[in-house]
Structures are given as C-alpha cells and as structure tokens.
Amino acid sequence: MRIALTVDRDADQEQNDYISSLLRAGFRREEIHVLAPGAAPNGPFDGVVLGGGCDVEPSLYGEKPRADAELELDPERDATDFALFADAWPRGTPILGVCRGLQVINVALGGTLVQDIPSERPSPVVHQTPGEDKTSLDHAVSITPGTRLSEIARTAEVEVNSRHHQAIGRTGRGLRVGATSPDGLVEAVETVGPSWMIAVQWHPENLGADPVSSRLFSEFARAVKQRAEDSGISD
C-alpha cells in the first residue's frame, strides 16, 4: 500500500498531524510517502492526501493576482499537487483534500477561487482565525443531506476549526457541495460518481479527538483498502 501526502516546504516531513491521523486510521508509517514541494510524484499510489498550505496560483484558474489578496505562492507546490491529482484522478484513486487540497481539486476540475475572503466577500464569519490553537472550533458548517460526507458526519451540522482566507468561487466539474458555512461559502466538496473523493476546507487532521474528523480519515482508509482489494493489490 502506498499513500501520497503533500505538504508545504516548512512542514515536518517525518511527523505531522496528517501522518498521525493516517496512522490512527490504520496505515503503517512506511506506507505514507510525504511529497515536499517540487517532488515528482512517483506513482501510481493507492490513496492521495492533498494537504493544506499556501495559496494556489491564480493563473491556474484564469485570473491575475489581486493586489489586496496578500497571496503566498509556491510554484513548486502547485506543480507537485496538480501533477499528483492529474495522475490519481483518472485512475479512480481515493483522494482526500484538506483546505488548500480542496482548492487544488476544485481548480484542477475547472473551478475558480475567491482569492481573499475578507476583501472580496466580507462576512461576520471569521474564516482565518488567529492564534496558535489548531484545535479551536471556530464556526459551524451545515452538511448537505444525502452526501458521502453526511454519512460520515451523522449529523446536520458540525463545528470546525478554520484557517483559510481563500475559498471556492465556481465549483469544478463533477463536484457537489458537501457542506457550507453560515455565510454560504463552500466548506466541502465530493465526487458524484463512484470514485471516492472528499475535500474539506477545515483541518480534520488537527482534531484527532473529534469523531467526525476521525471517521473522515477512517473512511478514506476503508476506500483505499477496498479499492486495493478490488484491484487485486496486496500489502
């Protein structure tokens, strides 16, 4: 089993909350391959986690950078993430997107982004919460009934942490909205077809004690292992 995980260049490559969450979900450490920005994906992989991090280059969704957006860009991170998605998506590889990962998936499928929520879509909902506590629950999201995410959440609303200043603008091809924040911003998307792909705007990897976050990683692991069995792939 091989799981690809993409992270920013300042992330700990050996141990981080994504790895901890994947280990709790049943994967072994040697099965998790961390891809730093600029790394060429040496796939195929059995599962892909597109982690959070810097902003997506606006030209990738047909826009110029807004002067007031204060973007943090990393072309090498974009190259790694989009190449990995381009390889995994046509294969039906299970994909879990987190924060930036949701935005990468949306752009890769033809969608657009809100470059900066505070300046473009001012809202009483604070999406980029200051402070060092990554486990703080900052606002609620409403789960869309009938989605895979609703089956995982087992509730109509969950409280989430929030550390993003960008969001989905136009939703990409083949995606349905899995959750929204009180101000209407998209907080989760997933595939409509048989392939397992869920992406969320919050950071479930930081919320190990939260049942919904734990089940999200567990369901990703189940999908990976089920696809491996169906394909005749062994450990």
C-alpha atoms as a PDB file:
ATOM      1  CA  MET A   1       0.000   0.000   0.000  1.00  0.00           C
ATOM      2  CA  ARG A   2       1.293   3.471  -0.933  1.00  0.00           C
ATOM      3  CA  ILE A   3      -0.306   6.702   0.270  1.00  0.00           C
ATOM      4  CA  ALA A   4       0.889  10.065  -1.073  1.00  0.00           C
ATOM      5  CA  LEU A   5       0.724  13.101   1.204  1.00  0.00           C
ATOM      6  CA  THR A   6       1.576  16.616   0.008  1.00  0.00           C
ATOM      7  CA  VAL A   7       2.600  19.354   2.446  1.00  0.00           C
ATOM      8  CA  ASP A   8       4.284  22.773   2.398  1.00  0.00           C
ATOM      9  CA  ARG A   9       8.072  23.061   2.468  1.00  0.00           C
ATOM     10  CA  ASP A  10       8.089  24.231   6.111  1.00  0.00           C
ATOM     11  CA  ALA A  11       6.107  21.205   7.349  1.00  0.00           C
ATOM     12  CA  ASP A  12       7.756  18.390   9.298  1.00  0.00           C
ATOM     13  CA  GLN A  13       8.389  15.706   6.690  1.00  0.00           C
ATOM     14  CA  GLU A  14       8.765  12.907   9.230  1.00  0.00           C
ATOM     15  CA  GLN A  15       5.897  13.531  11.646  1.00  0.00           C
ATOM     16  CA  ASN A  16       2.872  15.807  11.461  1.00  0.00           C
ATOM     17  CA  ASP A  17      -0.853  15.702  12.212  1.00  0.00           C
ATOM     18  CA  TYR A  18      -1.686  14.256   8.786  1.00  0.00           C
ATOM     19  CA  ILE A  19       0.620  11.322   9.423  1.00  0.00           C
ATOM     20  CA  SER A  20      -0.787  10.849  12.933  1.00  0.00           C
ATOM     21  CA  SER A  21      -4.339  10.796  11.561  1.00  0.00           C
ATOM     22  CA  LEU A  22      -3.414   8.285   8.850  1.00  0.00           C
ATOM     23  CA  LEU A  23      -1.708   6.062  11.423  1.00  0.00           C
ATOM     24  CA  ARG A  24      -4.822   6.132  13.621  1.00  0.00           C
ATOM     25  CA  ALA A  25      -6.848   5.194  10.544  1.00  0.00           C
ATOM     26  CA  GLY A  26      -4.800   2.008  10.185  1.00  0.00           C
ATOM     27  CA  PHE A  27      -1.993   2.791   7.756  1.00  0.00           C
ATOM     28  CA  ARG A  28       1.626   1.961   8.575  1.00  0.00           C
ATOM     29  CA  ARG A  29       4.245   4.707   8.593  1.00  0.00           C
ATOM     30  CA  GLU A  30       6.216   3.094   5.771  1.00  0.00           C
ATOM     31  CA  GLU A  31       3.100   3.225   3.591  1.00  0.00           C
ATOM     32  CA  ILE A  32       2.897   7.033   3.814  1.00  0.00           C
ATOM     33  CA  HIS A  33       5.047   8.891   1.277  1.00  0.00           C
ATOM     34  CA  VAL A  34       5.419  12.609   2.017  1.00  0.00           C
ATOM     35  CA  LEU A  35       5.911  14.731  -1.105  1.00  0.00           C
ATOM     36  CA  ALA A  36       7.521  18.117  -0.486  1.00  0.00           C
ATOM     37  CA  PRO A  37       7.046  20.983  -2.978  1.00  0.00           C
ATOM     38  CA  GLY A  38       8.850  20.230  -6.213  1.00  0.00           C
ATOM     39  CA  ALA A  39       8.841  16.462  -5.730  1.00  0.00           C
ATOM     40  CA  ALA A  40       7.830  14.469  -8.791  1.00  0.00           C
ATOM     41  CA  PRO A  41       5.051  12.034  -7.866  1.00  0.00           C
ATOM     42  CA  ASN A  42       6.446   8.530  -8.365  1.00  0.00           C
ATOM     43  CA  GLY A  43       3.022   6.929  -8.672  1.00  0.00           C
ATOM     44  CA  PRO A  44       0.737   5.242  -9.000  1.00  0.00           C
ATOM     45  CA  PHE A  45      -0.457   5.495  -5.414  1.00  0.00           C
ATOM     46  CA  ASP A  46      -3.284   3.649  -3.706  1.00  0.00           C
ATOM     47  CA  GLY A  47      -4.510   6.808  -1.983  1.00  0.00           C
ATOM     48  CA  VAL A  48      -3.752  10.527  -2.061  1.00  0.00           C
ATOM     49  CA  VAL A  49      -3.993  13.195   0.642  1.00  0.00           C
ATOM     50  CA  LEU A  50      -3.633  16.748  -0.638  1.00  0.00           C
ATOM     51  CA  GLY A  51      -2.759  18.700   2.497  1.00  0.00           C
ATOM     52  CA  GLY A  52      -3.184  22.338   3.454  1.00  0.00           C
ATOM     53  CA  GLY A  53      -0.703  25.118   2.868  1.00  0.00           C
ATOM     54  CA  CYS A  54      -0.013  28.099   0.656  1.00  0.00           C
ATOM     55  CA  ASP A  55      -2.291  29.715  -1.935  1.00  0.00           C
ATOM     56  CA  VAL A  56      -2.957  28.372  -5.422  1.00  0.00           C
ATOM     57  CA  GLU A  57      -1.505  30.440  -8.282  1.00  0.00           C
ATOM     58  CA  PRO A  58      -4.453  32.471  -9.739  1.00  0.00           C
ATOM     59  CA  SER A  59      -3.346  31.979 -13.349  1.00  0.00           C
ATOM     60  CA  LEU A  60      -4.261  28.306 -12.929  1.00  0.00           C
ATOM     61  CA  TYR A  61      -7.917  29.348 -12.777  1.00  0.00           C
ATOM     62  CA  GLY A  62      -7.687  32.164 -15.318  1.00  0.00           C
ATOM     63  CA  GLU A  63      -7.171  35.167 -13.037  1.00  0.00           C
ATOM     64  CA  LYS A  64      -4.463  37.652 -12.150  1.00  0.00           C
ATOM     65  CA  PRO A  65      -3.393  38.030  -8.509  1.00  0.00           C
ATOM     66  CA  ARG A  66      -5.396  40.671  -6.678  1.00  0.00           C
ATOM     67  CA  ALA A  67      -3.164  43.365  -5.182  1.00  0.00           C
ATOM     68  CA  ASP A  68      -5.066  43.241  -1.891  1.00  0.00           C
ATOM     69  CA  ALA A  69      -5.106  39.443  -1.569  1.00  0.00           C
ATOM     70  CA  GLU A  70      -1.647  39.113   0.041  1.00  0.00           C
ATOM     71  CA  LEU A  71      -1.084  35.749  -1.617  1.00  0.00           C
ATOM     72  CA  GLU A  72       1.573  33.287  -0.512  1.00  0.00           C
ATOM     73  CA  LEU A  73       2.526  31.322  -3.607  1.00  0.00           C
ATOM     74  CA  ASP A  74       4.822  28.377  -4.245  1.00  0.00           C
ATOM     75  CA  PRO A  75       5.010  27.250  -7.891  1.00  0.00           C
ATOM     76  CA  GLU A  76       6.760  24.024  -6.900  1.00  0.00           C
ATOM     77  CA  ARG A  77       3.958  23.113  -4.501  1.00  0.00           C
ATOM     78  CA  ASP A  78       1.439  23.756  -7.282  1.00  0.00           C
ATOM     79  CA  ALA A  79       3.461  21.595  -9.683  1.00  0.00           C
ATOM     80  CA  THR A  80       3.558  18.666  -7.263  1.00  0.00           C
ATOM     81  CA  ASP A  81      -0.097  18.851  -6.209  1.00  0.00           C
ATOM     82  CA  PHE A  82      -1.558  19.255  -9.687  1.00  0.00           C
ATOM     83  CA  ALA A  83       0.678  16.532 -11.184  1.00  0.00           C
ATOM     84  CA  LEU A  84      -0.322  14.150  -8.411  1.00  0.00           C
ATOM     85  CA  PHE A  85      -4.013  14.888  -8.899  1.00  0.00           C
ATOM     86  CA  ALA A  86      -3.729  14.540 -12.688  1.00  0.00           C
ATOM     87  CA  ASP A  87      -2.265  11.058 -12.222  1.00  0.00           C
ATOM     88  CA  ALA A  88      -4.624   9.887  -9.475  1.00  0.00           C
ATOM     89  CA  TRP A  89      -7.968  11.251 -10.651  1.00  0.00           C
ATOM     90  CA  PRO A  90      -8.311   9.292 -13.934  1.00  0.00           C
ATOM     91  CA  ARG A  91      -7.337   6.080 -12.110  1.00  0.00           C
ATOM     92  CA  GLY A  92     -10.155   6.429  -9.588  1.00  0.00           C
ATOM     93  CA  THR A  93      -7.657   6.611  -6.733  1.00  0.00           C
ATOM     94  CA  PRO A  94      -9.296   7.640  -3.434  1.00  0.00           C
ATOM     95  CA  ILE A  95      -8.430  11.272  -2.709  1.00  0.00           C
ATOM     96  CA  LEU A  96      -8.804  13.292   0.490  1.00  0.00           C
ATOM     97  CA  GLY A  97      -8.325  17.052   0.212  1.00  0.00           C
ATOM     98  CA  VAL A  98      -7.738  19.363   3.170  1.00  0.00           C
ATOM     99  CA  CYS A  99      -8.001  23.185   2.984  1.00  0.00           C
ATOM    100  CA  ARG A 100      -5.592  24.005   0.114  1.00  0.00           C
ATOM    101  CA  GLY A 101      -6.233  20.451  -1.087  1.00  0.00           C
ATOM    102  CA  LEU A 102      -9.911  21.287  -1.609  1.00  0.00           C
ATOM    103  CA  GLN A 103      -8.899  24.352  -3.614  1.00  0.00           C
ATOM    104  CA  VAL A 104      -6.431  22.366  -5.751  1.00  0.00           C
ATOM    105  CA  ILE A 105      -9.099  19.797  -6.574  1.00  0.00           C
ATOM    106  CA  ASN A 106     -11.615  22.477  -7.480  1.00  0.00           C
ATOM    107  CA  VAL A 107      -9.186  24.325  -9.752  1.00  0.00           C
ATOM    108  CA  ALA A 108      -7.968  21.097 -11.371  1.00  0.00           C
ATOM    109  CA  LEU A 109     -11.576  20.358 -12.328  1.00  0.00           C
ATOM    110  CA  GLY A 110     -12.160  23.765 -13.877  1.00  0.00           C
ATOM    111  CA  GLY A 111     -13.422  25.716 -10.883  1.00  0.00           C
ATOM    112  CA  THR A 112     -12.320  29.073  -9.539  1.00  0.00           C
ATOM    113  CA  LEU A 113     -11.344  30.502  -6.159  1.00  0.00           C
ATOM    114  CA  VAL A 114     -12.144  33.539  -4.079  1.00  0.00           C
ATOM    115  CA  GLN A 115      -8.620  34.936  -3.777  1.00  0.00           C
ATOM    116  CA  ASP A 116      -9.255  36.708  -0.471  1.00  0.00           C
ATOM    117  CA  ILE A 117     -12.448  36.308   1.550  1.00  0.00           C
ATOM    118  CA  PRO A 118     -12.146  39.452   3.733  1.00  0.00           C
ATOM    119  CA  SER A 119     -11.692  41.817   0.765  1.00  0.00           C
ATOM    120  CA  GLU A 120     -13.934  40.048  -1.778  1.00  0.00           C
ATOM    121  CA  ARG A 121     -16.691  38.598   0.369  1.00  0.00           C
ATOM    122  CA  PRO A 122     -16.743  40.330   3.774  1.00  0.00           C
ATOM    123  CA  SER A 123     -18.611  38.276   6.336  1.00  0.00           C
ATOM    124  CA  PRO A 124     -19.224  38.118  10.090  1.00  0.00           C
ATOM    125  CA  VAL A 125     -17.896  34.555   9.946  1.00  0.00           C
ATOM    126  CA  VAL A 126     -14.161  34.561  10.706  1.00  0.00           C
ATOM    127  CA  HIS A 127     -12.535  32.027   8.387  1.00  0.00           C
ATOM    128  CA  GLN A 128      -8.896  32.820   9.145  1.00  0.00           C
ATOM    129  CA  THR A 129      -8.726  32.520  12.914  1.00  0.00           C
ATOM    130  CA  PRO A 130      -5.611  33.983  14.536  1.00  0.00           C
ATOM    131  CA  GLY A 131      -3.700  32.172  17.247  1.00  0.00           C
ATOM    132  CA  GLU A 132      -1.705  29.003  17.700  1.00  0.00           C
ATOM    133  CA  ASP A 133      -4.510  26.695  18.872  1.00  0.00           C
ATOM    134  CA  LYS A 134      -5.206  24.499  15.852  1.00  0.00           C
ATOM    135  CA  THR A 135      -7.907  22.585  17.725  1.00  0.00           C
ATOM    136  CA  SER A 136     -10.193  25.548  18.447  1.00  0.00           C
ATOM    137  CA  LEU A 137     -13.677  25.165  16.963  1.00  0.00           C
ATOM    138  CA  ASP A 138     -14.287  28.439  15.168  1.00  0.00           C
ATOM    139  CA  HIS A 139     -17.644  28.157  13.412  1.00  0.00           C
ATOM    140  CA  ALA A 140     -20.308  25.692  12.343  1.00  0.00           C
ATOM    141  CA  VAL A 141     -20.789  24.161   8.902  1.00  0.00           C
ATOM    142  CA  SER A 142     -24.021  22.712   7.553  1.00  0.00           C
ATOM    143  CA  ILE A 143     -23.701  19.251   5.994  1.00  0.00           C
ATOM    144  CA  THR A 144     -25.573  18.617   2.743  1.00  0.00           C
ATOM    145  CA  PRO A 145     -28.070  15.752   3.175  1.00  0.00           C
ATOM    146  CA  GLY A 146     -27.561  12.682   1.007  1.00  0.00           C
ATOM    147  CA  THR A 147     -23.815  13.172   0.529  1.00  0.00           C
ATOM    148  CA  ARG A 148     -20.961  10.848   1.492  1.00  0.00           C
ATOM    149  CA  LEU A 149     -19.914  13.474   3.996  1.00  0.00           C
ATOM    150  CA  SER A 150     -23.350  13.345   5.637  1.00  0.00           C
ATOM    151  CA  GLU A 151     -22.961   9.579   6.071  1.00  0.00           C
ATOM    152  CA  ILE A 152     -19.605  10.164   7.759  1.00  0.00           C
ATOM    153  CA  ALA A 153     -20.735  13.100   9.897  1.00  0.00           C
ATOM    154  CA  ARG A 154     -24.028  11.504  11.009  1.00  0.00           C
ATOM    155  CA  THR A 155     -25.301  14.962  11.873  1.00  0.00           C
ATOM    156  CA  ALA A 156     -26.636  18.009  10.055  1.00  0.00           C
ATOM    157  CA  GLU A 157     -24.093  20.427  11.488  1.00  0.00           C
ATOM    158  CA  VAL A 158     -20.556  20.246  12.845  1.00  0.00           C
ATOM    159  CA  GLU A 159     -18.208  22.726  14.484  1.00  0.00           C
ATOM    160  CA  VAL A 160     -14.867  23.092  12.713  1.00  0.00           C
ATOM    161  CA  ASN A 161     -11.524  24.850  13.001  1.00  0.00           C
ATOM    162  CA  SER A 162     -10.802  27.436  10.327  1.00  0.00           C
ATOM    163  CA  ARG A 163      -7.523  28.778   8.914  1.00  0.00           C
ATOM    164  CA  HIS A 164      -8.082  29.968   5.355  1.00  0.00           C
ATOM    165  CA  HIS A 165      -8.507  33.274   3.536  1.00  0.00           C
ATOM    166  CA  GLN A 166      -9.422  31.695   0.185  1.00  0.00           C
ATOM    167  CA  ALA A 167     -12.427  29.605  -0.804  1.00  0.00           C
ATOM    168  CA  ILE A 168     -14.199  28.018  -3.732  1.00  0.00           C
ATOM    169  CA  GLY A 169     -15.728  30.507  -6.167  1.00  0.00           C
ATOM    170  CA  ARG A 170     -17.228  28.469  -9.001  1.00  0.00           C
ATOM    171  CA  THR A 171     -17.454  24.752  -8.243  1.00  0.00           C
ATOM    172  CA  GLY A 172     -15.463  22.452 -10.539  1.00  0.00           C
ATOM    173  CA  ARG A 173     -16.844  19.834 -12.926  1.00  0.00           C
ATOM    174  CA  GLY A 174     -18.330  16.701 -11.406  1.00  0.00           C
ATOM    175  CA  LEU A 175     -18.259  18.037  -7.854  1.00  0.00           C
ATOM    176  CA  ARG A 176     -21.173  18.502  -5.487  1.00  0.00           C
ATOM    177  CA  VAL A 177     -21.165  20.655  -2.395  1.00  0.00           C
ATOM    178  CA  GLY A 178     -20.892  18.632   0.804  1.00  0.00           C
ATOM    179  CA  ALA A 179     -21.027  21.452   3.349  1.00  0.00           C
ATOM    180  CA  THR A 180     -21.383  25.219   3.628  1.00  0.00           C
ATOM    181  CA  SER A 181     -20.575  27.829   6.267  1.00  0.00           C
ATOM    182  CA  PRO A 182     -23.236  30.213   7.646  1.00  0.00           C
ATOM    183  CA  ASP A 183     -22.209  32.893   5.113  1.00  0.00           C
ATOM    184  CA  GLY A 184     -22.713  30.497   2.184  1.00  0.00           C
ATOM    185  CA  LEU A 185     -19.088  29.680   1.391  1.00  0.00           C
ATOM    186  CA  VAL A 186     -18.416  26.119   0.257  1.00  0.00           C
ATOM    187  CA  GLU A 187     -16.775  24.124   3.067  1.00  0.00           C
ATOM    188  CA  ALA A 188     -16.648  20.667   1.439  1.00  0.00           C
ATOM    189  CA  VAL A 189     -16.977  19.031  -1.969  1.00  0.00           C
ATOM    190  CA  GLU A 190     -17.061  15.442  -3.150  1.00  0.00           C
ATOM    191  CA  THR A 191     -17.458  13.381  -6.294  1.00  0.00           C
ATOM    192  CA  VAL A 192     -20.851  12.499  -7.692  1.00  0.00           C
ATOM    193  CA  GLY A 193     -19.704   9.240  -9.327  1.00  0.00           C
ATOM    194  CA  PRO A 194     -18.319   6.010  -7.885  1.00  0.00           C
ATOM    195  CA  SER A 195     -14.787   7.283  -7.213  1.00  0.00           C
ATOM    196  CA  TRP A 196     -14.131   8.211  -3.567  1.00  0.00           C
ATOM    197  CA  MET A 197     -13.055  11.805  -3.228  1.00  0.00           C
ATOM    198  CA  ILE A 198     -13.931  14.163  -0.383  1.00  0.00           C
ATOM    199  CA  ALA A 199     -12.327  17.534   0.297  1.00  0.00           C
ATOM    200  CA  VAL A 200     -12.968  19.817   3.254  1.00  0.00           C
ATOM    201  CA  GLN A 201     -11.975  23.413   3.898  1.00  0.00           C
ATOM    202  CA  TRP A 202     -11.238  22.890   7.592  1.00  0.00           C
ATOM    203  CA  HIS A 203      -8.397  20.879   9.169  1.00  0.00           C
ATOM    204  CA  PRO A 204      -9.598  17.480  10.461  1.00  0.00           C
ATOM    205  CA  GLU A 205      -6.002  16.318  10.888  1.00  0.00           C
ATOM    206  CA  ASN A 206      -5.727  18.655  13.902  1.00  0.00           C
ATOM    207  CA  LEU A 207      -8.911  17.303  15.505  1.00  0.00           C
ATOM    208  CA  GLY A 208      -7.919  13.781  16.477  1.00  0.00           C
ATOM    209  CA  ALA A 209     -10.397  13.652  19.360  1.00  0.00           C
ATOM    210  CA  ASP A 210     -13.327  14.701  17.168  1.00  0.00           C
ATOM    211  CA  PRO A 211     -15.421  11.702  15.991  1.00  0.00           C
ATOM    212  CA  VAL A 212     -16.335  13.249  12.633  1.00  0.00           C
ATOM    213  CA  SER A 213     -12.691  14.027  11.818  1.00  0.00           C
ATOM    214  CA  SER A 214     -11.615  10.532  12.870  1.00  0.00           C
ATOM    215  CA  ARG A 215     -14.301   8.911  10.732  1.00  0.00           C
ATOM    216  CA  LEU A 216     -13.255  11.012   7.730  1.00  0.00           C
ATOM    217  CA  PHE A 217      -9.754   9.533   7.830  1.00  0.00           C
ATOM    218  CA  SER A 218     -11.134   6.068   8.636  1.00  0.00           C
ATOM    219  CA  GLU A 219     -13.469   6.186   5.634  1.00  0.00           C
ATOM    220  CA  PHE A 220     -10.588   7.301   3.434  1.00  0.00           C
ATOM    221  CA  ALA A 221      -8.616   4.277   4.677  1.00  0.00           C
ATOM    222  CA  ARG A 222     -11.587   1.989   4.054  1.00  0.00           C
ATOM    223  CA  ALA A 223     -11.948   3.299   0.488  1.00  0.00           C
ATOM    224  CA  VAL A 224      -8.226   2.823  -0.187  1.00  0.00           C
ATOM    225  CA  LYS A 225      -8.220  -0.735   1.125  1.00  0.00           C
ATOM    226  CA  GLN A 226     -11.456  -1.620  -0.676  1.00  0.00           C
ATOM    227  CA  ARG A 227     -10.091  -0.378  -3.988  1.00  0.00           C
ATOM    228  CA  ALA A 228      -6.840  -2.281  -3.392  1.00  0.00           C
ATOM    229  CA  GLU A 229      -8.806  -5.488  -2.770  1.00  0.00           C
ATOM    230  CA  ASP A 230     -10.967  -4.942  -5.841  1.00  0.00           C
ATOM    231  CA  SER A 231      -7.824  -4.379  -7.914  1.00  0.00           C
ATOM    232  CA  GLY A 232      -6.073  -7.424  -6.509  1.00  0.00           C
ATOM    233  CA  ILE A 233      -3.381  -5.285  -4.832  1.00  0.00           C
ATOM    234  CA  SER A 234      -1.880  -6.780  -1.696  1.00  0.00           C
ATOM    235  CA  ASP A 235       0.182  -5.212   1.068  1.00  0.00           C
END
